[in-house]
PDB file of N, CA and C in Angstrom:
ATOM      1  N   MET A   1      -6.973 -19.742  -1.706  1.00  0.00           N
ATOM      2  CA  MET A   1      -6.269 -19.289  -2.889  1.00  0.00           C
ATOM      3  C   MET A   1      -4.781 -19.550  -2.692  1.00  0.00           C
ATOM      4  N   ASP A   2      -4.140 -19.983  -3.732  1.00  0.00           N
ATOM      5  CA  ASP A   2      -2.702 -20.207  -3.726  1.00  0.00           C
ATOM      6  C   ASP A   2      -1.971 -18.908  -3.364  1.00  0.00           C
ATOM      7  N   HIS A   3      -0.929 -19.013  -2.549  1.00  0.00           N
ATOM      8  CA  HIS A   3      -0.194 -17.841  -2.077  1.00  0.00           C
ATOM      9  C   HIS A   3       0.394 -17.028  -3.230  1.00  0.00           C
ATOM     10  N   GLU A   4       0.982 -17.666  -4.210  1.00  0.00           N
ATOM     11  CA  GLU A   4       1.588 -16.945  -5.338  1.00  0.00           C
ATOM     12  C   GLU A   4       0.545 -16.220  -6.179  1.00  0.00           C
ATOM     13  N   ILE A   5      -0.600 -16.841  -6.363  1.00  0.00           N
ATOM     14  CA  ILE A   5      -1.685 -16.185  -7.100  1.00  0.00           C
ATOM     15  C   ILE A   5      -2.178 -14.974  -6.325  1.00  0.00           C
ATOM     16  N   ARG A   6      -2.306 -15.131  -5.018  1.00  0.00           N
ATOM     17  CA  ARG A   6      -2.740 -14.004  -4.191  1.00  0.00           C
ATOM     18  C   ARG A   6      -1.762 -12.839  -4.308  1.00  0.00           C
ATOM     19  N   LEU A   7      -0.467 -13.120  -4.245  1.00  0.00           N
ATOM     20  CA  LEU A   7       0.532 -12.060  -4.381  1.00  0.00           C
ATOM     21  C   LEU A   7       0.450 -11.381  -5.743  1.00  0.00           C
ATOM     22  N   LYS A   8       0.251 -12.146  -6.790  1.00  0.00           N
ATOM     23  CA  LYS A   8       0.127 -11.558  -8.130  1.00  0.00           C
ATOM     24  C   LYS A   8      -1.091 -10.637  -8.210  1.00  0.00           C
ATOM     25  N   ARG A   9      -2.194 -11.063  -7.638  1.00  0.00           N
ATOM     26  CA  ARG A   9      -3.406 -10.229  -7.645  1.00  0.00           C
ATOM     27  C   ARG A   9      -3.206  -8.946  -6.833  1.00  0.00           C
ATOM     28  N   LEU A  10      -2.575  -9.092  -5.666  1.00  0.00           N
ATOM     29  CA  LEU A  10      -2.324  -7.917  -4.847  1.00  0.00           C
ATOM     30  C   LEU A  10      -1.371  -6.953  -5.540  1.00  0.00           C
ATOM     31  N   ARG A  11      -0.349  -7.485  -6.177  1.00  0.00           N
ATOM     32  CA  ARG A  11       0.595  -6.622  -6.895  1.00  0.00           C
ATOM     33  C   ARG A  11      -0.127  -5.867  -8.008  1.00  0.00           C
ATOM     34  N   PHE A  12      -0.964  -6.555  -8.759  1.00  0.00           N
ATOM     35  CA  PHE A  12      -1.711  -5.900  -9.831  1.00  0.00           C
ATOM     36  C   PHE A  12      -2.585  -4.784  -9.265  1.00  0.00           C
ATOM     37  N   ARG A  13      -3.325  -5.086  -8.206  1.00  0.00           N
ATOM     38  CA  ARG A  13      -4.218  -4.088  -7.606  1.00  0.00           C
ATOM     39  C   ARG A  13      -3.436  -2.916  -7.022  1.00  0.00           C
ATOM     40  N   ALA A  14      -2.252  -3.193  -6.473  1.00  0.00           N
ATOM     41  CA  ALA A  14      -1.431  -2.128  -5.894  1.00  0.00           C
ATOM     42  C   ALA A  14      -0.886  -1.195  -6.968  1.00  0.00           C
ATOM     43  N   TRP A  15      -0.598  -1.735  -8.144  1.00  0.00           N
ATOM     44  CA  TRP A  15       0.004  -0.940  -9.222  1.00  0.00           C
ATOM     45  C   TRP A  15      -1.012  -0.375 -10.208  1.00  0.00           C
ATOM     46  N   HIS A  16      -2.281  -0.682 -10.057  1.00  0.00           N
ATOM     47  CA  HIS A  16      -3.318  -0.196 -10.979  1.00  0.00           C
ATOM     48  C   HIS A  16      -4.412   0.516 -10.198  1.00  0.00           C
ATOM     49  N   ARG A  17      -4.034   1.601  -9.566  1.00  0.00           N
ATOM     50  CA  ARG A  17      -4.931   2.339  -8.687  1.00  0.00           C
ATOM     51  C   ARG A  17      -5.741   3.392  -9.421  1.00  0.00           C
ATOM     52  N   GLY A  18      -5.221   3.924 -10.508  1.00  0.00           N
ATOM     53  CA  GLY A  18      -5.975   4.936 -11.229  1.00  0.00           C
ATOM     54  C   GLY A  18      -5.218   6.233 -11.423  1.00  0.00           C
ATOM     55  N   THR A  19      -4.256   6.490 -10.552  1.00  0.00           N
ATOM     56  CA  THR A  19      -3.398   7.661 -10.746  1.00  0.00           C
ATOM     57  C   THR A  19      -1.949   7.216 -10.617  1.00  0.00           C
ATOM     58  N   ARG A  20      -1.095   7.904 -11.316  1.00  0.00           N
ATOM     59  CA  ARG A  20       0.331   7.557 -11.281  1.00  0.00           C
ATOM     60  C   ARG A  20       0.895   7.677  -9.858  1.00  0.00           C
ATOM     61  N   GLU A  21       0.488   8.721  -9.140  1.00  0.00           N
ATOM     62  CA  GLU A  21       0.976   8.929  -7.792  1.00  0.00           C
ATOM     63  C   GLU A  21       0.593   7.781  -6.866  1.00  0.00           C
ATOM     64  N   ALA A  22      -0.663   7.356  -6.938  1.00  0.00           N
ATOM     65  CA  ALA A  22      -1.119   6.247  -6.105  1.00  0.00           C
ATOM     66  C   ALA A  22      -0.439   4.950  -6.517  1.00  0.00           C
ATOM     67  N   ASP A  23      -0.280   4.739  -7.817  1.00  0.00           N
ATOM     68  CA  ASP A  23       0.426   3.539  -8.287  1.00  0.00           C
ATOM     69  C   ASP A  23       1.825   3.478  -7.699  1.00  0.00           C
ATOM     70  N   LEU A  24       2.541   4.598  -7.762  1.00  0.00           N
ATOM     71  CA  LEU A  24       3.913   4.635  -7.265  1.00  0.00           C
ATOM     72  C   LEU A  24       3.977   4.439  -5.760  1.00  0.00           C
ATOM     73  N   MET A  25       3.088   5.094  -5.030  1.00  0.00           N
ATOM     74  CA  MET A  25       3.124   4.979  -3.576  1.00  0.00           C
ATOM     75  C   MET A  25       2.703   3.586  -3.107  1.00  0.00           C
ATOM     76  N   ILE A  26       1.559   3.135  -3.551  1.00  0.00           N
ATOM     77  CA  ILE A  26       1.007   1.872  -3.052  1.00  0.00           C
ATOM     78  C   ILE A  26       1.707   0.677  -3.690  1.00  0.00           C
ATOM     79  N   GLY A  27       1.924   0.749  -4.998  1.00  0.00           N
ATOM     80  CA  GLY A  27       2.642  -0.327  -5.676  1.00  0.00           C
ATOM     81  C   GLY A  27       4.085  -0.423  -5.228  1.00  0.00           C
ATOM     82  N   GLY A  28       4.735   0.742  -5.061  1.00  0.00           N
ATOM     83  CA  GLY A  28       6.115   0.743  -4.589  1.00  0.00           C
ATOM     84  C   GLY A  28       6.239   0.162  -3.195  1.00  0.00           C
ATOM     85  N   TYR A  29       5.283   0.493  -2.342  1.00  0.00           N
ATOM     86  CA  TYR A  29       5.260  -0.058  -0.986  1.00  0.00           C
ATOM     87  C   TYR A  29       5.121  -1.586  -1.041  1.00  0.00           C
ATOM     88  N   PHE A  30       4.197  -2.050  -1.862  1.00  0.00           N
ATOM     89  CA  PHE A  30       4.014  -3.500  -1.988  1.00  0.00           C
ATOM     90  C   PHE A  30       5.300  -4.169  -2.457  1.00  0.00           C
ATOM     91  N   ASP A  31       5.886  -3.660  -3.527  1.00  0.00           N
ATOM     92  CA  ASP A  31       7.103  -4.272  -4.070  1.00  0.00           C
ATOM     93  C   ASP A  31       8.243  -4.291  -3.058  1.00  0.00           C
ATOM     94  N   ALA A  32       8.358  -3.233  -2.279  1.00  0.00           N
ATOM     95  CA  ALA A  32       9.466  -3.121  -1.334  1.00  0.00           C
ATOM     96  C   ALA A  32       9.312  -4.035  -0.119  1.00  0.00           C
ATOM     97  N   HIS A  33       8.079  -4.423   0.232  1.00  0.00           N
ATOM     98  CA  HIS A  33       7.878  -5.091   1.522  1.00  0.00           C
ATOM     99  C   HIS A  33       7.132  -6.416   1.505  1.00  0.00           C
ATOM    100  N   HIS A  34       6.446  -6.770   0.446  1.00  0.00           N
ATOM    101  CA  HIS A  34       5.533  -7.913   0.517  1.00  0.00           C
ATOM    102  C   HIS A  34       6.197  -9.253   0.810  1.00  0.00           C
ATOM    103  N   LEU A  35       7.452  -9.415   0.466  1.00  0.00           N
ATOM    104  CA  LEU A  35       8.110 -10.708   0.678  1.00  0.00           C
ATOM    105  C   LEU A  35       8.240 -11.068   2.153  1.00  0.00           C
ATOM    106  N   ASP A  36       8.219 -10.077   3.021  1.00  0.00           N
ATOM    107  CA  ASP A  36       8.369 -10.309   4.457  1.00  0.00           C
ATOM    108  C   ASP A  36       7.045 -10.390   5.203  1.00  0.00           C
ATOM    109  N   TRP A  37       5.924 -10.195   4.511  1.00  0.00           N
ATOM    110  CA  TRP A  37       4.640 -10.124   5.186  1.00  0.00           C
ATOM    111  C   TRP A  37       4.108 -11.481   5.613  1.00  0.00           C
ATOM    112  N   THR A  38       3.469 -11.480   6.762  1.00  0.00           N
ATOM    113  CA  THR A  38       2.765 -12.655   7.273  1.00  0.00           C
ATOM    114  C   THR A  38       1.382 -12.712   6.611  1.00  0.00           C
ATOM    115  N   PRO A  39       0.666 -13.815   6.760  1.00  0.00           N
ATOM    116  CA  PRO A  39      -0.705 -13.857   6.238  1.00  0.00           C
ATOM    117  C   PRO A  39      -1.594 -12.744   6.803  1.00  0.00           C
ATOM    118  N   ASP A  40      -1.431 -12.406   8.080  1.00  0.00           N
ATOM    119  CA  ASP A  40      -2.225 -11.320   8.664  1.00  0.00           C
ATOM    120  C   ASP A  40      -1.887  -9.979   8.024  1.00  0.00           C
ATOM    121  N   GLN A  41      -0.622  -9.759   7.727  1.00  0.00           N
ATOM    122  CA  GLN A  41      -0.216  -8.519   7.075  1.00  0.00           C
ATOM    123  C   GLN A  41      -0.737  -8.457   5.640  1.00  0.00           C
ATOM    124  N   LEU A  42      -0.757  -9.590   4.963  1.00  0.00           N
ATOM    125  CA  LEU A  42      -1.355  -9.635   3.624  1.00  0.00           C
ATOM    126  C   LEU A  42      -2.840  -9.308   3.697  1.00  0.00           C
ATOM    127  N   ASP A  43      -3.516  -9.829   4.715  1.00  0.00           N
ATOM    128  CA  ASP A  43      -4.941  -9.514   4.908  1.00  0.00           C
ATOM    129  C   ASP A  43      -5.134  -8.014   5.112  1.00  0.00           C
ATOM    130  N   TRP A  44      -4.271  -7.396   5.937  1.00  0.00           N
ATOM    131  CA  TRP A  44      -4.358  -5.957   6.188  1.00  0.00           C
ATOM    132  C   TRP A  44      -4.197  -5.180   4.896  1.00  0.00           C
ATOM    133  N   PHE A  45      -3.183  -5.524   4.113  1.00  0.00           N
ATOM    134  CA  PHE A  45      -2.926  -4.812   2.865  1.00  0.00           C
ATOM    135  C   PHE A  45      -4.070  -5.014   1.875  1.00  0.00           C
ATOM    136  N   GLU A  46      -4.568  -6.224   1.789  1.00  0.00           N
ATOM    137  CA  GLU A  46      -5.679  -6.511   0.875  1.00  0.00           C
ATOM    138  C   GLU A  46      -6.908  -5.686   1.246  1.00  0.00           C
ATOM    139  N   ALA A  47      -7.193  -5.581   2.531  1.00  0.00           N
ATOM    140  CA  ALA A  47      -8.326  -4.767   2.981  1.00  0.00           C
ATOM    141  C   ALA A  47      -8.059  -3.282   2.726  1.00  0.00           C
ATOM    142  N   LEU A  48      -6.812  -2.841   2.921  1.00  0.00           N
ATOM    143  CA  LEU A  48      -6.461  -1.441   2.663  1.00  0.00           C
ATOM    144  C   LEU A  48      -6.741  -1.068   1.217  1.00  0.00           C
ATOM    145  N   LEU A  49      -6.521  -1.987   0.296  1.00  0.00           N
ATOM    146  CA  LEU A  49      -6.730  -1.710  -1.121  1.00  0.00           C
ATOM    147  C   LEU A  49      -8.188  -1.418  -1.456  1.00  0.00           C
ATOM    148  N   GLU A  50      -9.097  -1.727  -0.559  1.00  0.00           N
ATOM    149  CA  GLU A  50     -10.508  -1.417  -0.762  1.00  0.00           C
ATOM    150  C   GLU A  50     -10.809   0.062  -0.488  1.00  0.00           C
ATOM    151  N   GLU A  51      -9.887   0.743   0.181  1.00  0.00           N
ATOM    152  CA  GLU A  51     -10.077   2.157   0.513  1.00  0.00           C
ATOM    153  C   GLU A  51      -9.767   3.033  -0.697  1.00  0.00           C
ATOM    154  N   GLN A  52     -10.212   4.269  -0.624  1.00  0.00           N
ATOM    155  CA  GLN A  52      -9.973   5.229  -1.700  1.00  0.00           C
ATOM    156  C   GLN A  52      -8.501   5.649  -1.724  1.00  0.00           C
ATOM    157  N   ASP A  53      -7.960   5.817  -2.920  1.00  0.00           N
ATOM    158  CA  ASP A  53      -6.560   6.214  -3.060  1.00  0.00           C
ATOM    159  C   ASP A  53      -6.249   7.507  -2.318  1.00  0.00           C
ATOM    160  N   VAL A  54      -7.127   8.479  -2.435  1.00  0.00           N
ATOM    161  CA  VAL A  54      -6.882   9.766  -1.793  1.00  0.00           C
ATOM    162  C   VAL A  54      -6.770   9.606  -0.278  1.00  0.00           C
ATOM    163  N   ASP A  55      -7.537   8.692   0.284  1.00  0.00           N
ATOM    164  CA  ASP A  55      -7.455   8.438   1.721  1.00  0.00           C
ATOM    165  C   ASP A  55      -6.151   7.734   2.078  1.00  0.00           C
ATOM    166  N   ILE A  56      -5.826   6.667   1.358  1.00  0.00           N
ATOM    167  CA  ILE A  56      -4.586   5.930   1.623  1.00  0.00           C
ATOM    168  C   ILE A  56      -3.385   6.866   1.532  1.00  0.00           C
ATOM    169  N   MET A  57      -3.340   7.666   0.487  1.00  0.00           N
ATOM    170  CA  MET A  57      -2.216   8.572   0.303  1.00  0.00           C
ATOM    171  C   MET A  57      -2.180   9.630   1.406  1.00  0.00           C
ATOM    172  N   GLY A  58      -3.345  10.136   1.785  1.00  0.00           N
ATOM    173  CA  GLY A  58      -3.409  11.118   2.868  1.00  0.00           C
ATOM    174  C   GLY A  58      -2.929  10.550   4.192  1.00  0.00           C
ATOM    175  N   TRP A  59      -3.329   9.317   4.495  1.00  0.00           N
ATOM    176  CA  TRP A  59      -2.872   8.677   5.728  1.00  0.00           C
ATOM    177  C   TRP A  59      -1.367   8.447   5.687  1.00  0.00           C
ATOM    178  N   ALA A  60      -0.868   8.045   4.514  1.00  0.00           N
ATOM    179  CA  ALA A  60       0.549   7.719   4.385  1.00  0.00           C
ATOM    180  C   ALA A  60       1.447   8.952   4.448  1.00  0.00           C
ATOM    181  N   ILE A  61       0.970  10.081   3.939  1.00  0.00           N
ATOM    182  CA  ILE A  61       1.809  11.282   3.987  1.00  0.00           C
ATOM    183  C   ILE A  61       1.474  12.167   5.177  1.00  0.00           C
ATOM    184  N   GLY A  62       0.429  11.801   5.904  1.00  0.00           N
ATOM    185  CA  GLY A  62       0.091  12.526   7.119  1.00  0.00           C
ATOM    186  C   GLY A  62      -0.732  13.779   6.909  1.00  0.00           C
ATOM    187  N   SER A  63      -1.317  13.943   5.728  1.00  0.00           N
ATOM    188  CA  SER A  63      -2.121  15.140   5.484  1.00  0.00           C
ATOM    189  C   SER A  63      -3.534  15.020   6.054  1.00  0.00           C
ATOM    190  N   ILE A  64      -3.967  13.800   6.336  1.00  0.00           N
ATOM    191  CA  ILE A  64      -5.253  13.580   7.008  1.00  0.00           C
ATOM    192  C   ILE A  64      -5.039  12.536   8.099  1.00  0.00           C
ATOM    193  N   PRO A  65      -5.821  12.607   9.182  1.00  0.00           N
ATOM    194  CA  PRO A  65      -5.654  11.636  10.267  1.00  0.00           C
ATOM    195  C   PRO A  65      -5.971  10.219   9.794  1.00  0.00           C
ATOM    196  N   CYS A  66      -5.180   9.287  10.255  1.00  0.00           N
ATOM    197  CA  CYS A  66      -5.381   7.881   9.901  1.00  0.00           C
ATOM    198  C   CYS A  66      -6.371   7.254  10.876  1.00  0.00           C
ATOM    199  N   PRO A  67      -7.430   6.616  10.366  1.00  0.00           N
ATOM    200  CA  PRO A  67      -8.383   5.940  11.256  1.00  0.00           C
ATOM    201  C   PRO A  67      -7.684   4.830  12.055  1.00  0.00           C
ATOM    202  N   PRO A  68      -8.147   4.576  13.257  1.00  0.00           N
ATOM    203  CA  PRO A  68      -7.498   3.572  14.114  1.00  0.00           C
ATOM    204  C   PRO A  68      -7.356   2.194  13.479  1.00  0.00           C
ATOM    205  N   GLN A  69      -8.316   1.793  12.651  1.00  0.00           N
ATOM    206  CA  GLN A  69      -8.229   0.447  12.060  1.00  0.00           C
ATOM    207  C   GLN A  69      -7.078   0.321  11.063  1.00  0.00           C
ATOM    208  N   TRP A  70      -6.562   1.431  10.568  1.00  0.00           N
ATOM    209  CA  TRP A  70      -5.444   1.384   9.613  1.00  0.00           C
ATOM    210  C   TRP A  70      -4.117   1.767  10.242  1.00  0.00           C
ATOM    211  N   GLU A  71      -4.165   2.323  11.432  1.00  0.00           N
ATOM    212  CA  GLU A  71      -2.930   2.697  12.119  1.00  0.00           C
ATOM    213  C   GLU A  71      -2.250   1.430  12.606  1.00  0.00           C
ATOM    214  N   SER A  72      -1.083   1.159  12.078  1.00  0.00           N
ATOM    215  CA  SER A  72      -0.370  -0.080  12.386  1.00  0.00           C
ATOM    216  C   SER A  72       1.096   0.095  12.018  1.00  0.00           C
ATOM    217  N   PRO A  73       1.923  -0.869  12.388  1.00  0.00           N
ATOM    218  CA  PRO A  73       3.322  -0.807  11.953  1.00  0.00           C
ATOM    219  C   PRO A  73       3.454  -0.763  10.431  1.00  0.00           C
ATOM    220  N   MET A  74       2.520  -1.381   9.723  1.00  0.00           N
ATOM    221  CA  MET A  74       2.590  -1.352   8.258  1.00  0.00           C
ATOM    222  C   MET A  74       2.339   0.061   7.729  1.00  0.00           C
ATOM    223  N   MET A  75       1.396   0.776   8.320  1.00  0.00           N
ATOM    224  CA  MET A  75       1.160   2.151   7.901  1.00  0.00           C
ATOM    225  C   MET A  75       2.355   3.013   8.264  1.00  0.00           C
ATOM    226  N   GLN A  76       2.963   2.755   9.403  1.00  0.00           N
ATOM    227  CA  GLN A  76       4.152   3.502   9.796  1.00  0.00           C
ATOM    228  C   GLN A  76       5.288   3.268   8.793  1.00  0.00           C
ATOM    229  N   THR A  77       5.419   2.055   8.320  1.00  0.00           N
ATOM    230  CA  THR A  77       6.434   1.754   7.309  1.00  0.00           C
ATOM    231  C   THR A  77       6.113   2.482   6.014  1.00  0.00           C
ATOM    232  N   MET A  78       4.842   2.516   5.641  1.00  0.00           N
ATOM    233  CA  MET A  78       4.451   3.239   4.433  1.00  0.00           C
ATOM    234  C   MET A  78       4.803   4.718   4.573  1.00  0.00           C
ATOM    235  N   ARG A  79       4.584   5.270   5.755  1.00  0.00           N
ATOM    236  CA  ARG A  79       4.914   6.669   5.993  1.00  0.00           C
ATOM    237  C   ARG A  79       6.416   6.927   5.915  1.00  0.00           C
ATOM    238  N   ALA A  80       7.201   5.952   6.328  1.00  0.00           N
ATOM    239  CA  ALA A  80       8.648   6.132   6.411  1.00  0.00           C
ATOM    240  C   ALA A  80       9.356   6.029   5.060  1.00  0.00           C
ATOM    241  N   LEU A  81       8.675   5.475   4.073  1.00  0.00           N
ATOM    242  CA  LEU A  81       9.322   5.315   2.771  1.00  0.00           C
ATOM    243  C   LEU A  81       9.647   6.669   2.174  1.00  0.00           C
ATOM    244  N   ASN A  82      10.781   6.738   1.562  1.00  0.00           N
ATOM    245  CA  ASN A  82      11.177   7.956   0.840  1.00  0.00           C
ATOM    246  C   ASN A  82      10.934   7.714  -0.628  1.00  0.00           C
ATOM    247  N   PHE A  83       9.974   8.414  -1.181  1.00  0.00           N
ATOM    248  CA  PHE A  83       9.668   8.272  -2.584  1.00  0.00           C
ATOM    249  C   PHE A  83      10.384   9.365  -3.360  1.00  0.00           C
ATOM    250  N   VAL A  84      11.112   8.957  -4.377  1.00  0.00           N
ATOM    251  CA  VAL A  84      11.840   9.896  -5.219  1.00  0.00           C
ATOM    252  C   VAL A  84      10.962  10.227  -6.408  1.00  0.00           C
ATOM    253  N   PRO A  85      10.739  11.518  -6.696  1.00  0.00           N
ATOM    254  CA  PRO A  85       9.908  11.879  -7.840  1.00  0.00           C
ATOM    255  C   PRO A  85      10.486  11.305  -9.133  1.00  0.00           C
ATOM    256  N   VAL A  86       9.610  10.854  -9.983  1.00  0.00           N
ATOM    257  CA  VAL A  86       9.995  10.310 -11.272  1.00  0.00           C
ATOM    258  C   VAL A  86      10.056  11.456 -12.266  1.00  0.00           C
ATOM    259  N   SER A  87      11.192  11.605 -12.931  1.00  0.00           N
ATOM    260  CA  SER A  87      11.287  12.665 -13.935  1.00  0.00           C
ATOM    261  C   SER A  87      10.613  12.206 -15.221  1.00  0.00           C
ATOM    262  N   ARG A  88      10.035  13.145 -15.903  1.00  0.00           N
ATOM    263  CA  ARG A  88       9.311  12.802 -17.134  1.00  0.00           C
ATOM    264  C   ARG A  88      10.101  13.191 -18.335  1.00  0.00           C
TER     265      ARG A  88
END
């Protein structure tokens, strides 16, 4: 698959998770970091998107233990992001 098409698909999947909170966390993470990712990091993120939002968010905020297969520098970066609440 063409790299640009892959990025567009990943961006769509990251921003269309099903809840606003997951969209902001996962989509925001993608937007902030994807330009620097290697093909292996893109593979990791693509596989992560197959997981349930509640799990991804729990691992990222530390409310549930992160399984070893997802514990990585990328997850650490996701944890380190400061998300500002969106006012309505």
